[in-house]
């Protein structure tokens, strides 16, 4: 699976400030909205759950943890989701990744 940053454009800054002008910067990342589908899976999180391990269990790719975080509006920088919450695991990952790539390609 390609990196989610693969389609993100890198641009040169043009701030007019000598210390930052001309440095590489990523374009903003846009995440597509996704509605629940009939074939999505749902789990209740436990104390040992991690987003990367959940992504591996459902998609065979631990790098897709961000998809689960995105569709469930999880905030923060932890791979551990709150215990006892319901997480939606989108079934049609290819459509979601295509929408992500389309939204982030200039």
PDB file of N, CA and C in Angstrom:
ATOM      1  N   UNK A   1       0.853  -1.173   0.000  1.00  0.00           N
ATOM      2  CA  UNK A   1       0.000   0.000   0.000  1.00  0.00           C
ATOM      3  C   UNK A   1       0.901   1.239   0.000  1.00  0.00           C
ATOM      4  N   UNK A   2       0.634   2.198  -0.874  1.00  0.00           N
ATOM      5  CA  UNK A   2       1.459   3.401  -0.906  1.00  0.00           C
ATOM      6  C   UNK A   2       1.193   4.288   0.309  1.00  0.00           C
ATOM      7  N   UNK A   3       2.175   5.094   0.625  1.00  0.00           N
ATOM      8  CA  UNK A   3       2.068   6.022   1.743  1.00  0.00           C
ATOM      9  C   UNK A   3       0.967   7.036   1.479  1.00  0.00           C
ATOM     10  N   UNK A   4       0.305   7.490   2.534  1.00  0.00           N
ATOM     11  CA  UNK A   4      -0.735   8.503   2.354  1.00  0.00           C
ATOM     12  C   UNK A   4      -0.138   9.840   1.946  1.00  0.00           C
ATOM     13  N   UNK A   5       1.168   9.992   2.100  1.00  0.00           N
ATOM     14  CA  UNK A   5       1.833  11.232   1.699  1.00  0.00           C
ATOM     15  C   UNK A   5       2.300  11.194   0.254  1.00  0.00           C
ATOM     16  N   UNK A   6       2.141  10.084  -0.416  1.00  0.00           N
ATOM     17  CA  UNK A   6       2.616   9.919  -1.778  1.00  0.00           C
ATOM     18  C   UNK A   6       1.997  10.938  -2.731  1.00  0.00           C
ATOM     19  N   UNK A   7       0.724  11.259  -2.561  1.00  0.00           N
ATOM     20  CA  UNK A   7       0.065  12.169  -3.485  1.00  0.00           C
ATOM     21  C   UNK A   7       0.042  13.615  -2.984  1.00  0.00           C
ATOM     22  N   UNK A   8       0.640  13.876  -1.831  1.00  0.00           N
ATOM     23  CA  UNK A   8       0.663  15.231  -1.290  1.00  0.00           C
ATOM     24  C   UNK A   8       1.770  16.019  -1.985  1.00  0.00           C
ATOM     25  N   UNK A   9       1.422  17.182  -2.493  1.00  0.00           N
ATOM     26  CA  UNK A   9       2.372  18.006  -3.220  1.00  0.00           C
ATOM     27  C   UNK A   9       3.295  18.747  -2.270  1.00  0.00           C
ATOM     28  N   UNK A  10       4.577  18.768  -2.606  1.00  0.00           N
ATOM     29  CA  UNK A  10       5.549  19.560  -1.861  1.00  0.00           C
ATOM     30  C   UNK A  10       5.777  20.835  -2.662  1.00  0.00           C
ATOM     31  N   UNK A  11       5.710  21.963  -1.973  1.00  0.00           N
ATOM     32  CA  UNK A  11       5.915  23.240  -2.647  1.00  0.00           C
ATOM     33  C   UNK A  11       6.984  24.031  -1.921  1.00  0.00           C
ATOM     34  N   UNK A  12       7.511  25.024  -2.573  1.00  0.00           N
ATOM     35  CA  UNK A  12       8.475  25.929  -1.961  1.00  0.00           C
ATOM     36  C   UNK A  12       7.711  27.066  -1.295  1.00  0.00           C
ATOM     37  N   UNK A  13       8.131  27.424  -0.072  1.00  0.00           N
ATOM     38  CA  UNK A  13       7.473  28.523   0.627  1.00  0.00           C
ATOM     39  C   UNK A  13       7.881  29.842  -0.011  1.00  0.00           C
ATOM     40  N   UNK A  14       6.983  30.792   0.055  1.00  0.00           N
ATOM     41  CA  UNK A  14       7.253  32.128  -0.467  1.00  0.00           C
ATOM     42  C   UNK A  14       6.650  33.120   0.520  1.00  0.00           C
ATOM     43  N   UNK A  15       7.184  33.110   1.729  1.00  0.00           N
ATOM     44  CA  UNK A  15       6.627  33.941   2.786  1.00  0.00           C
ATOM     45  C   UNK A  15       7.164  35.349   2.790  1.00  0.00           C
ATOM     46  N   UNK A  16       8.275  35.554   2.106  1.00  0.00           N
ATOM     47  CA  UNK A  16       8.898  36.863   2.143  1.00  0.00           C
ATOM     48  C   UNK A  16       9.826  37.034   3.335  1.00  0.00           C
ATOM     49  N   UNK A  17       9.808  36.065   4.241  1.00  0.00           N
ATOM     50  CA  UNK A  17      10.703  36.094   5.393  1.00  0.00           C
ATOM     51  C   UNK A  17      11.937  35.300   5.011  1.00  0.00           C
ATOM     52  N   UNK A  18      13.080  35.928   5.092  1.00  0.00           N
ATOM     53  CA  UNK A  18      14.315  35.318   4.593  1.00  0.00           C
ATOM     54  C   UNK A  18      14.598  33.952   5.211  1.00  0.00           C
ATOM     55  N   UNK A  19      14.269  33.747   6.477  1.00  0.00           N
ATOM     56  CA  UNK A  19      14.606  32.488   7.144  1.00  0.00           C
ATOM     57  C   UNK A  19      13.730  31.317   6.697  1.00  0.00           C
ATOM     58  N   UNK A  20      12.537  31.578   6.153  1.00  0.00           N
ATOM     59  CA  UNK A  20      11.657  30.486   5.737  1.00  0.00           C
ATOM     60  C   UNK A  20      11.418  30.443   4.239  1.00  0.00           C
ATOM     61  N   UNK A  21      11.793  31.476   3.533  1.00  0.00           N
ATOM     62  CA  UNK A  21      11.543  31.533   2.095  1.00  0.00           C
ATOM     63  C   UNK A  21      12.341  30.462   1.356  1.00  0.00           C
ATOM     64  N   UNK A  22      11.672  29.749   0.456  1.00  0.00           N
ATOM     65  CA  UNK A  22      12.328  28.740  -0.361  1.00  0.00           C
ATOM     66  C   UNK A  22      12.433  27.365   0.265  1.00  0.00           C
ATOM     67  N   UNK A  23      11.896  27.167   1.449  1.00  0.00           N
ATOM     68  CA  UNK A  23      11.939  25.852   2.094  1.00  0.00           C
ATOM     69  C   UNK A  23      10.801  24.977   1.577  1.00  0.00           C
ATOM     70  N   UNK A  24      11.037  23.665   1.586  1.00  0.00           N
ATOM     71  CA  UNK A  24       9.994  22.723   1.177  1.00  0.00           C
ATOM     72  C   UNK A  24       8.887  22.686   2.220  1.00  0.00           C
ATOM     73  N   UNK A  25       7.656  22.667   1.745  1.00  0.00           N
ATOM     74  CA  UNK A  25       6.484  22.573   2.618  1.00  0.00           C
ATOM     75  C   UNK A  25       5.475  21.645   1.962  1.00  0.00           C
ATOM     76  N   UNK A  26       4.748  20.890   2.778  1.00  0.00           N
ATOM     77  CA  UNK A  26       3.661  20.069   2.253  1.00  0.00           C
ATOM     78  C   UNK A  26       2.431  20.942   2.061  1.00  0.00           C
ATOM     79  N   UNK A  27       1.704  20.679   0.984  1.00  0.00           N
ATOM     80  CA  UNK A  27       0.399  21.293   0.806  1.00  0.00           C
ATOM     81  C   UNK A  27      -0.500  20.768   1.927  1.00  0.00           C
ATOM     82  N   UNK A  28      -1.569  21.482   2.285  1.00  0.00           N
ATOM     83  CA  UNK A  28      -2.499  20.955   3.290  1.00  0.00           C
ATOM     84  C   UNK A  28      -3.077  19.610   2.837  1.00  0.00           C
ATOM     85  N   UNK A  29      -3.334  18.744   3.786  1.00  0.00           N
ATOM     86  CA  UNK A  29      -3.916  17.441   3.495  1.00  0.00           C
ATOM     87  C   UNK A  29      -5.427  17.519   3.677  1.00  0.00           C
ATOM     88  N   UNK A  30      -6.166  17.047   2.682  1.00  0.00           N
ATOM     89  CA  UNK A  30      -7.621  17.041   2.734  1.00  0.00           C
ATOM     90  C   UNK A  30      -8.105  15.606   2.887  1.00  0.00           C
ATOM     91  N   UNK A  31      -8.962  15.397   3.871  1.00  0.00           N
ATOM     92  CA  UNK A  31      -9.503  14.071   4.122  1.00  0.00           C
ATOM     93  C   UNK A  31     -10.955  14.035   3.664  1.00  0.00           C
ATOM     94  N   UNK A  32     -11.301  13.074   2.814  1.00  0.00           N
ATOM     95  CA  UNK A  32     -12.680  13.012   2.309  1.00  0.00           C
ATOM     96  C   UNK A  32     -13.648  12.567   3.400  1.00  0.00           C
ATOM     97  N   UNK A  33     -14.870  13.057   3.289  1.00  0.00           N
ATOM     98  CA  UNK A  33     -15.887  12.568   4.224  1.00  0.00           C
ATOM     99  C   UNK A  33     -16.368  11.215   3.709  1.00  0.00           C
ATOM    100  N   UNK A  34     -16.806  10.413   4.621  1.00  0.00           N
ATOM    101  CA  UNK A  34     -17.279   9.091   4.243  1.00  0.00           C
ATOM    102  C   UNK A  34     -18.490   8.733   5.097  1.00  0.00           C
ATOM    103  N   UNK A  35     -19.497   8.239   4.455  1.00  0.00           N
ATOM    104  CA  UNK A  35     -20.704   7.824   5.151  1.00  0.00           C
ATOM    105  C   UNK A  35     -20.620   6.344   5.475  1.00  0.00           C
ATOM    106  N   UNK A  36     -21.288   5.971   6.526  1.00  0.00           N
ATOM    107  CA  UNK A  36     -21.331   4.563   6.905  1.00  0.00           C
ATOM    108  C   UNK A  36     -21.999   3.752   5.800  1.00  0.00           C
ATOM    109  N   UNK A  37     -21.444   2.586   5.561  1.00  0.00           N
ATOM    110  CA  UNK A  37     -21.977   1.670   4.559  1.00  0.00           C
ATOM    111  C   UNK A  37     -22.501   0.414   5.258  1.00  0.00           C
ATOM    112  N   UNK A  38     -23.379  -0.279   4.598  1.00  0.00           N
ATOM    113  CA  UNK A  38     -23.994  -1.478   5.171  1.00  0.00           C
ATOM    114  C   UNK A  38     -22.960  -2.554   5.511  1.00  0.00           C
ATOM    115  N   UNK A  39     -21.883  -2.621   4.727  1.00  0.00           N
ATOM    116  CA  UNK A  39     -20.899  -3.682   4.947  1.00  0.00           C
ATOM    117  C   UNK A  39     -19.715  -3.258   5.812  1.00  0.00           C
ATOM    118  N   UNK A  40     -19.764  -2.074   6.438  1.00  0.00           N
ATOM    119  CA  UNK A  40     -18.722  -1.661   7.376  1.00  0.00           C
ATOM    120  C   UNK A  40     -18.752  -2.565   8.604  1.00  0.00           C
ATOM    121  N   UNK A  41     -17.613  -2.661   9.256  1.00  0.00           N
ATOM    122  CA  UNK A  41     -17.524  -3.429  10.501  1.00  0.00           C
ATOM    123  C   UNK A  41     -17.486  -2.463  11.682  1.00  0.00           C
ATOM    124  N   UNK A  42     -17.873  -2.962  12.830  1.00  0.00           N
ATOM    125  CA  UNK A  42     -17.855  -2.169  14.061  1.00  0.00           C
ATOM    126  C   UNK A  42     -17.229  -3.012  15.157  1.00  0.00           C
ATOM    127  N   UNK A  43     -16.404  -2.362  15.978  1.00  0.00           N
ATOM    128  CA  UNK A  43     -15.828  -3.046  17.131  1.00  0.00           C
ATOM    129  C   UNK A  43     -15.936  -2.131  18.348  1.00  0.00           C
ATOM    130  N   UNK A  44     -15.926  -2.733  19.497  1.00  0.00           N
ATOM    131  CA  UNK A  44     -15.832  -1.998  20.754  1.00  0.00           C
ATOM    132  C   UNK A  44     -14.388  -2.152  21.229  1.00  0.00           C
ATOM    133  N   UNK A  45     -13.740  -1.036  21.499  1.00  0.00           N
ATOM    134  CA  UNK A  45     -12.317  -1.068  21.844  1.00  0.00           C
ATOM    135  C   UNK A  45     -12.077  -1.594  23.247  1.00  0.00           C
ATOM    136  N   UNK A  46     -10.958  -2.281  23.374  1.00  0.00           N
ATOM    137  CA  UNK A  46     -10.504  -2.777  24.669  1.00  0.00           C
ATOM    138  C   UNK A  46      -9.234  -2.054  25.082  1.00  0.00           C
ATOM    139  N   UNK A  47      -8.726  -2.378  26.238  1.00  0.00           N
ATOM    140  CA  UNK A  47      -7.547  -1.696  26.770  1.00  0.00           C
ATOM    141  C   UNK A  47      -6.286  -1.983  25.969  1.00  0.00           C
ATOM    142  N   UNK A  48      -6.231  -3.091  25.281  1.00  0.00           N
ATOM    143  CA  UNK A  48      -5.025  -3.474  24.535  1.00  0.00           C
ATOM    144  C   UNK A  48      -5.065  -3.055  23.068  1.00  0.00           C
ATOM    145  N   UNK A  49      -6.173  -2.499  22.594  1.00  0.00           N
ATOM    146  CA  UNK A  49      -6.316  -2.172  21.176  1.00  0.00           C
ATOM    147  C   UNK A  49      -5.420  -1.007  20.768  1.00  0.00           C
ATOM    148  N   UNK A  50      -4.871  -1.127  19.559  1.00  0.00           N
ATOM    149  CA  UNK A  50      -4.091  -0.059  18.926  1.00  0.00           C
ATOM    150  C   UNK A  50      -4.599   0.096  17.510  1.00  0.00           C
ATOM    151  N   UNK A  51      -4.612   1.321  17.020  1.00  0.00           N
ATOM    152  CA  UNK A  51      -5.153   1.583  15.689  1.00  0.00           C
ATOM    153  C   UNK A  51      -4.378   0.856  14.593  1.00  0.00           C
ATOM    154  N   UNK A  52      -3.065   0.790  14.719  1.00  0.00           N
ATOM    155  CA  UNK A  52      -2.279   0.108  13.686  1.00  0.00           C
ATOM    156  C   UNK A  52      -2.560  -1.385  13.659  1.00  0.00           C
ATOM    157  N   UNK A  53      -2.780  -1.975  14.820  1.00  0.00           N
ATOM    158  CA  UNK A  53      -3.082  -3.409  14.872  1.00  0.00           C
ATOM    159  C   UNK A  53      -4.498  -3.697  14.358  1.00  0.00           C
ATOM    160  N   UNK A  54      -5.416  -2.791  14.642  1.00  0.00           N
ATOM    161  CA  UNK A  54      -6.778  -2.942  14.117  1.00  0.00           C
ATOM    162  C   UNK A  54      -6.751  -2.837  12.590  1.00  0.00           C
ATOM    163  N   UNK A  55      -5.995  -1.874  12.064  1.00  0.00           N
ATOM    164  CA  UNK A  55      -5.870  -1.718  10.609  1.00  0.00           C
ATOM    165  C   UNK A  55      -5.265  -2.969   9.993  1.00  0.00           C
ATOM    166  N   UNK A  56      -4.275  -3.545  10.634  1.00  0.00           N
ATOM    167  CA  UNK A  56      -3.666  -4.766  10.113  1.00  0.00           C
ATOM    168  C   UNK A  56      -4.672  -5.917  10.107  1.00  0.00           C
ATOM    169  N   UNK A  57      -5.443  -6.035  11.191  1.00  0.00           N
ATOM    170  CA  UNK A  57      -6.445  -7.105  11.275  1.00  0.00           C
ATOM    171  C   UNK A  57      -7.493  -7.002  10.161  1.00  0.00           C
ATOM    172  N   UNK A  58      -7.929  -5.791   9.841  1.00  0.00           N
ATOM    173  CA  UNK A  58      -9.003  -5.619   8.866  1.00  0.00           C
ATOM    174  C   UNK A  58      -8.511  -5.437   7.436  1.00  0.00           C
ATOM    175  N   UNK A  59      -7.349  -4.802   7.265  1.00  0.00           N
ATOM    176  CA  UNK A  59      -6.869  -4.477   5.916  1.00  0.00           C
ATOM    177  C   UNK A  59      -5.584  -5.185   5.526  1.00  0.00           C
ATOM    178  N   UNK A  60      -4.929  -5.824   6.498  1.00  0.00           N
ATOM    179  CA  UNK A  60      -3.642  -6.446   6.211  1.00  0.00           C
ATOM    180  C   UNK A  60      -2.528  -5.433   6.043  1.00  0.00           C
ATOM    181  N   UNK A  61      -2.748  -4.196   6.504  1.00  0.00           N
ATOM    182  CA  UNK A  61      -1.776  -3.115   6.349  1.00  0.00           C
ATOM    183  C   UNK A  61      -1.881  -2.174   7.549  1.00  0.00           C
ATOM    184  N   UNK A  62      -0.888  -2.210   8.408  1.00  0.00           N
ATOM    185  CA  UNK A  62      -0.923  -1.392   9.627  1.00  0.00           C
ATOM    186  C   UNK A  62      -0.802   0.100   9.341  1.00  0.00           C
ATOM    187  N   UNK A  63      -0.281   0.483   8.158  1.00  0.00           N
ATOM    188  CA  UNK A  63      -0.128   1.909   7.852  1.00  0.00           C
ATOM    189  C   UNK A  63      -1.462   2.591   7.578  1.00  0.00           C
ATOM    190  N   UNK A  64      -2.526   1.844   7.473  1.00  0.00           N
ATOM    191  CA  UNK A  64      -3.844   2.432   7.234  1.00  0.00           C
ATOM    192  C   UNK A  64      -4.573   2.791   8.531  1.00  0.00           C
ATOM    193  N   UNK A  65      -3.848   2.855   9.635  1.00  0.00           N
ATOM    194  CA  UNK A  65      -4.433   3.228  10.927  1.00  0.00           C
ATOM    195  C   UNK A  65      -5.139   4.578  10.849  1.00  0.00           C
ATOM    196  N   UNK A  66      -4.594   5.493  10.041  1.00  0.00           N
ATOM    197  CA  UNK A  66      -5.140   6.848   9.946  1.00  0.00           C
ATOM    198  C   UNK A  66      -6.557   6.849   9.370  1.00  0.00           C
ATOM    199  N   UNK A  67      -6.898   5.848   8.557  1.00  0.00           N
ATOM    200  CA  UNK A  67      -8.252   5.757   7.999  1.00  0.00           C
ATOM    201  C   UNK A  67      -9.249   5.544   9.134  1.00  0.00           C
ATOM    202  N   UNK A  68      -8.922   4.651  10.034  1.00  0.00           N
ATOM    203  CA  UNK A  68      -9.810   4.367  11.172  1.00  0.00           C
ATOM    204  C   UNK A  68      -9.917   5.591  12.072  1.00  0.00           C
ATOM    205  N   UNK A  69      -8.797   6.260  12.311  1.00  0.00           N
ATOM    206  CA  UNK A  69      -8.813   7.481  13.120  1.00  0.00           C
ATOM    207  C   UNK A  69      -9.662   8.562  12.455  1.00  0.00           C
ATOM    208  N   UNK A  70      -9.527   8.701  11.135  1.00  0.00           N
ATOM    209  CA  UNK A  70     -10.247   9.742  10.393  1.00  0.00           C
ATOM    210  C   UNK A  70     -11.759   9.515  10.419  1.00  0.00           C
ATOM    211  N   UNK A  71     -12.196   8.318  10.082  1.00  0.00           N
ATOM    212  CA  UNK A  71     -13.645   8.091   9.973  1.00  0.00           C
ATOM    213  C   UNK A  71     -14.337   8.108  11.333  1.00  0.00           C
ATOM    214  N   UNK A  72     -13.561   7.927  12.399  1.00  0.00           N
ATOM    215  CA  UNK A  72     -14.136   7.941  13.741  1.00  0.00           C
ATOM    216  C   UNK A  72     -13.871   9.247  14.478  1.00  0.00           C
ATOM    217  N   UNK A  73     -13.322  10.238  13.770  1.00  0.00           N
ATOM    218  CA  UNK A  73     -13.028  11.558  14.355  1.00  0.00           C
ATOM    219  C   UNK A  73     -12.229  11.461  15.644  1.00  0.00           C
ATOM    220  N   UNK A  74     -11.231  10.589  15.640  1.00  0.00           N
ATOM    221  CA  UNK A  74     -10.376  10.459  16.812  1.00  0.00           C
ATOM    222  C   UNK A  74      -9.345  11.582  16.805  1.00  0.00           C
ATOM    223  N   UNK A  75      -9.234  12.262  17.892  1.00  0.00           N
ATOM    224  CA  UNK A  75      -8.278  13.349  17.993  1.00  0.00           C
ATOM    225  C   UNK A  75      -7.088  12.915  18.829  1.00  0.00           C
ATOM    226  N   UNK A  76      -6.013  13.635  18.670  1.00  0.00           N
ATOM    227  CA  UNK A  76      -4.832  13.347  19.460  1.00  0.00           C
ATOM    228  C   UNK A  76      -3.804  12.591  18.659  1.00  0.00           C
ATOM    229  N   UNK A  77      -2.733  12.254  19.317  1.00  0.00           N
ATOM    230  CA  UNK A  77      -1.620  11.609  18.630  1.00  0.00           C
ATOM    231  C   UNK A  77      -1.329  10.219  19.172  1.00  0.00           C
ATOM    232  N   UNK A  78      -2.318   9.608  19.778  1.00  0.00           N
ATOM    233  CA  UNK A  78      -2.122   8.283  20.359  1.00  0.00           C
ATOM    234  C   UNK A  78      -2.626   7.195  19.416  1.00  0.00           C
ATOM    235  N   UNK A  79      -1.889   6.101  19.367  1.00  0.00           N
ATOM    236  CA  UNK A  79      -2.335   4.934  18.606  1.00  0.00           C
ATOM    237  C   UNK A  79      -3.359   4.132  19.399  1.00  0.00           C
ATOM    238  N   UNK A  80      -3.556   4.481  20.662  1.00  0.00           N
ATOM    239  CA  UNK A  80      -4.499   3.782  21.517  1.00  0.00           C
ATOM    240  C   UNK A  80      -5.820   4.543  21.544  1.00  0.00           C
ATOM    241  N   UNK A  81      -6.875   3.984  20.941  1.00  0.00           N
ATOM    242  CA  UNK A  81      -8.176   4.666  21.021  1.00  0.00           C
ATOM    243  C   UNK A  81      -8.730   4.559  22.438  1.00  0.00           C
ATOM    244  N   UNK A  82      -9.637   5.448  22.788  1.00  0.00           N
ATOM    245  CA  UNK A  82     -10.248   5.338  24.121  1.00  0.00           C
ATOM    246  C   UNK A  82     -10.889   3.961  24.309  1.00  0.00           C
ATOM    247  N   UNK A  83     -10.786   3.431  25.486  1.00  0.00           N
ATOM    248  CA  UNK A  83     -11.349   2.117  25.804  1.00  0.00           C
ATOM    249  C   UNK A  83     -12.871   2.194  25.892  1.00  0.00           C
ATOM    250  N   UNK A  84     -13.530   1.195  25.321  1.00  0.00           N
ATOM    251  CA  UNK A  84     -14.975   1.063  25.448  1.00  0.00           C
ATOM    252  C   UNK A  84     -15.784   1.865  24.446  1.00  0.00           C
ATOM    253  N   UNK A  85     -15.143   2.409  23.413  1.00  0.00           N
ATOM    254  CA  UNK A  85     -15.914   3.129  22.394  1.00  0.00           C
ATOM    255  C   UNK A  85     -16.125   2.233  21.173  1.00  0.00           C
ATOM    256  N   UNK A  86     -17.126   2.558  20.397  1.00  0.00           N
ATOM    257  CA  UNK A  86     -17.384   1.821  19.155  1.00  0.00           C
ATOM    258  C   UNK A  86     -16.617   2.489  18.022  1.00  0.00           C
ATOM    259  N   UNK A  87     -15.868   1.698  17.272  1.00  0.00           N
ATOM    260  CA  UNK A  87     -15.161   2.190  16.100  1.00  0.00           C
ATOM    261  C   UNK A  87     -15.785   1.608  14.847  1.00  0.00           C
ATOM    262  N   UNK A  88     -15.954   2.459  13.854  1.00  0.00           N
ATOM    263  CA  UNK A  88     -16.405   1.995  12.540  1.00  0.00           C
ATOM    264  C   UNK A  88     -15.178   1.712  11.694  1.00  0.00           C
ATOM    265  N   UNK A  89     -15.148   0.561  11.062  1.00  0.00           N
ATOM    266  CA  UNK A  89     -14.060   0.159  10.179  1.00  0.00           C
ATOM    267  C   UNK A  89     -14.644   0.098   8.766  1.00  0.00           C
ATOM    268  N   UNK A  90     -14.308   1.091   7.915  1.00  0.00           N
ATOM    269  CA  UNK A  90     -14.874   1.090   6.564  1.00  0.00           C
ATOM    270  C   UNK A  90     -14.483  -0.154   5.788  1.00  0.00           C
ATOM    271  N   UNK A  91     -15.448  -0.741   5.118  1.00  0.00           N
ATOM    272  CA  UNK A  91     -15.192  -1.964   4.354  1.00  0.00           C
ATOM    273  C   UNK A  91     -14.558  -1.655   2.999  1.00  0.00           C
ATOM    274  N   UNK A  92     -15.011  -0.598   2.346  1.00  0.00           N
ATOM    275  CA  UNK A  92     -14.534  -0.311   1.003  1.00  0.00           C
ATOM    276  C   UNK A  92     -13.353   0.657   1.055  1.00  0.00           C
ATOM    277  N   UNK A  93     -12.213   0.150   1.462  1.00  0.00           N
ATOM    278  CA  UNK A  93     -11.023   0.971   1.654  1.00  0.00           C
ATOM    279  C   UNK A  93     -10.506   1.541   0.337  1.00  0.00           C
ATOM    280  N   UNK A  94     -10.632   0.827  -0.755  1.00  0.00           N
ATOM    281  CA  UNK A  94     -10.091   1.318  -2.032  1.00  0.00           C
ATOM    282  C   UNK A  94     -10.806   2.586  -2.495  1.00  0.00           C
ATOM    283  N   UNK A  95     -12.110   2.655  -2.339  1.00  0.00           N
ATOM    284  CA  UNK A  95     -12.846   3.871  -2.705  1.00  0.00           C
ATOM    285  C   UNK A  95     -12.424   5.044  -1.838  1.00  0.00           C
ATOM    286  N   UNK A  96     -12.247   4.806  -0.562  1.00  0.00           N
ATOM    287  CA  UNK A  96     -11.844   5.861   0.350  1.00  0.00           C
ATOM    288  C   UNK A  96     -10.438   6.366   0.011  1.00  0.00           C
ATOM    289  N   UNK A  97      -9.519   5.456  -0.282  1.00  0.00           N
ATOM    290  CA  UNK A  97      -8.155   5.850  -0.644  1.00  0.00           C
ATOM    291  C   UNK A  97      -8.129   6.585  -1.975  1.00  0.00           C
ATOM    292  N   UNK A  98      -8.954   6.168  -2.922  1.00  0.00           N
ATOM    293  CA  UNK A  98      -9.044   6.884  -4.204  1.00  0.00           C
ATOM    294  C   UNK A  98      -9.555   8.304  -4.001  1.00  0.00           C
ATOM    295  N   UNK A  99     -10.566   8.471  -3.146  1.00  0.00           N
ATOM    296  CA  UNK A  99     -11.095   9.809  -2.852  1.00  0.00           C
ATOM    297  C   UNK A  99     -10.039  10.663  -2.156  1.00  0.00           C
ATOM    298  N   UNK A 100      -9.273  10.065  -1.254  1.00  0.00           N
ATOM    299  CA  UNK A 100      -8.194  10.781  -0.568  1.00  0.00           C
ATOM    300  C   UNK A 100      -7.146  11.250  -1.576  1.00  0.00           C
ATOM    301  N   UNK A 101      -6.725  10.351  -2.448  1.00  0.00           N
ATOM    302  CA  UNK A 101      -5.712  10.710  -3.440  1.00  0.00           C
ATOM    303  C   UNK A 101      -6.213  11.777  -4.400  1.00  0.00           C
ATOM    304  N   UNK A 102      -7.459  11.682  -4.807  1.00  0.00           N
ATOM    305  CA  UNK A 102      -8.042  12.673  -5.713  1.00  0.00           C
ATOM    306  C   UNK A 102      -8.115  14.049  -5.044  1.00  0.00           C
ATOM    307  N   UNK A 103      -8.496  14.087  -3.777  1.00  0.00           N
ATOM    308  CA  UNK A 103      -8.616  15.358  -3.061  1.00  0.00           C
ATOM    309  C   UNK A 103      -7.264  16.012  -2.809  1.00  0.00           C
ATOM    310  N   UNK A 104      -6.205  15.233  -2.844  1.00  0.00           N
ATOM    311  CA  UNK A 104      -4.881  15.763  -2.517  1.00  0.00           C
ATOM    312  C   UNK A 104      -3.927  15.824  -3.695  1.00  0.00           C
ATOM    313  N   UNK A 105      -4.433  15.638  -4.890  1.00  0.00           N
ATOM    314  CA  UNK A 105      -3.614  15.743  -6.084  1.00  0.00           C
ATOM    315  C   UNK A 105      -3.979  17.018  -6.811  1.00  0.00           C
ATOM    316  N   UNK A 106      -2.973  17.779  -7.110  1.00  0.00           N
ATOM    317  CA  UNK A 106      -3.220  19.058  -7.796  1.00  0.00           C
ATOM    318  C   UNK A 106      -3.171  18.853  -9.287  1.00  0.00           C
TER     319      UNK A 106
END
